[in-house]
Amino acid sequence: MSWDRISGNWTQWKGRIQERWGKLTQDQLAVIDGRRDQLSGRIQEAYGLSKDETERQLRNWERNLAVEYDEADLVLDDDESDPSINGQR
């Protein structure tokens, strides 16, 4: 899954990120606001990891998302092609 999709729907993904990196607070996730470099830095700080290890974990997490979700099935905040999506009628 591309980081553009994650950052563009940050509200949706914050919970998943907190599931994986539970030491990150809601306040930290709000400040990160979808910026991958900020997320990487906060993970490094919270867990005392090297930059390389943090990047490895982020890449693995992104790959797992790509396998777990068929991107065509995702309902995105900006998907207005079907008015019934996201409660719009």
Protein backbone atom coordinates (compact mmCIF):
# COMPACT_ATOMS: atom_id res chain seq x y z
CA MET A 1 0.00 0.00 0.00
CA SER A 2 1.35 3.40 -0.88
CA TRP A 3 2.10 5.89 1.85
CA ASP A 4 0.05 8.49 -0.05
CA ARG A 5 -3.07 6.43 0.63
CA ILE A 6 -2.18 6.06 4.29
CA SER A 7 -1.42 9.74 4.81
CA GLY A 8 -4.49 10.78 2.82
CA ASN A 9 -6.69 8.74 5.16
CA TRP A 10 -4.69 9.28 8.32
CA THR A 11 -7.71 9.17 10.62
CA GLN A 12 -8.52 5.67 9.40
CA TRP A 13 -4.97 4.37 9.86
CA LYS A 14 -4.08 5.93 13.22
CA GLY A 15 -5.75 3.09 15.09
CA ARG A 16 -3.88 0.46 13.09
CA ILE A 17 -0.60 2.23 13.75
CA GLN A 18 -1.35 2.39 17.45
CA GLU A 19 -2.14 -1.35 17.42
CA ARG A 20 1.32 -2.01 16.01
CA TRP A 21 3.28 0.63 17.94
CA GLY A 22 1.27 0.93 21.16
CA LYS A 23 3.68 3.30 22.87
CA LEU A 24 2.64 6.07 20.48
CA THR A 25 -0.02 8.30 21.98
CA GLN A 26 -3.06 9.82 20.29
CA ASP A 27 -1.42 13.24 20.71
CA GLN A 28 1.75 12.04 18.95
CA LEU A 29 -0.29 10.54 16.12
CA ALA A 30 -2.16 13.82 15.73
CA VAL A 31 1.13 15.71 15.43
CA ILE A 32 2.51 13.14 12.95
CA ASP A 33 -0.56 13.77 10.77
CA GLY A 34 0.35 11.21 8.11
CA ARG A 35 3.98 12.22 7.62
CA ARG A 36 6.04 9.05 7.36
CA ASP A 37 9.29 10.70 8.45
CA GLN A 38 7.59 12.00 11.59
CA LEU A 39 6.17 8.55 12.32
CA SER A 40 9.57 6.98 11.86
CA GLY A 41 11.16 9.46 14.27
CA ARG A 42 8.47 8.93 16.93
CA ILE A 43 8.84 5.15 16.68
CA GLN A 44 12.62 5.48 17.06
CA GLU A 45 12.17 7.63 20.17
CA ALA A 46 9.48 5.49 21.79
CA TYR A 47 11.19 2.16 21.25
CA GLY A 48 14.87 3.11 21.19
CA LEU A 49 15.33 1.64 17.71
CA SER A 50 17.85 2.49 15.04
CA LYS A 51 16.70 4.28 11.93
CA ASP A 52 17.34 1.14 9.86
CA GLU A 53 15.29 -1.06 12.18
CA THR A 54 12.45 1.45 12.25
CA GLU A 55 12.41 1.63 8.45
CA ARG A 56 12.40 -2.18 8.25
CA GLN A 57 9.39 -2.33 10.58
CA LEU A 58 7.52 0.35 8.65
CA ARG A 59 8.19 -1.38 5.30
CA ASN A 60 6.97 -4.70 6.70
CA TRP A 61 3.85 -3.07 8.14
CA GLU A 62 3.09 -1.41 4.79
CA ARG A 63 3.60 -4.70 2.91
CA ASN A 64 1.29 -6.49 5.33
CA LEU A 65 -1.38 -3.86 4.70
CA ALA A 66 -1.07 -4.39 0.96
CA VAL A 67 -1.67 -8.11 1.45
CA GLU A 68 -4.43 -7.66 4.02
CA TYR A 69 -6.42 -5.11 2.01
CA ASP A 70 -7.24 -5.30 -1.63
CA GLU A 71 -6.84 -1.62 -2.44
CA ALA A 72 -9.84 -1.74 -4.78
CA ASP A 73 -12.05 -2.66 -1.80
CA LEU A 74 -10.94 0.21 0.43
CA VAL A 75 -13.45 2.96 1.09
CA LEU A 76 -11.52 6.19 1.11
CA ASP A 77 -12.54 9.57 2.47
CA ASP A 78 -12.11 11.11 -0.97
CA ASP A 79 -14.02 8.38 -2.86
CA GLU A 80 -17.12 10.12 -4.18
CA SER A 81 -17.69 7.89 -7.19
CA ASP A 82 -20.56 6.13 -5.39
CA PRO A 83 -22.86 8.43 -3.38
CA SER A 84 -23.86 5.58 -1.06
CA ILE A 85 -20.28 5.29 0.22
CA ASN A 86 -19.57 6.75 3.64
CA GLY A 87 -23.24 7.37 4.35
CA GLN A 88 -23.74 9.87 1.52
CA ARG A 89 -27.05 9.53 -0.24
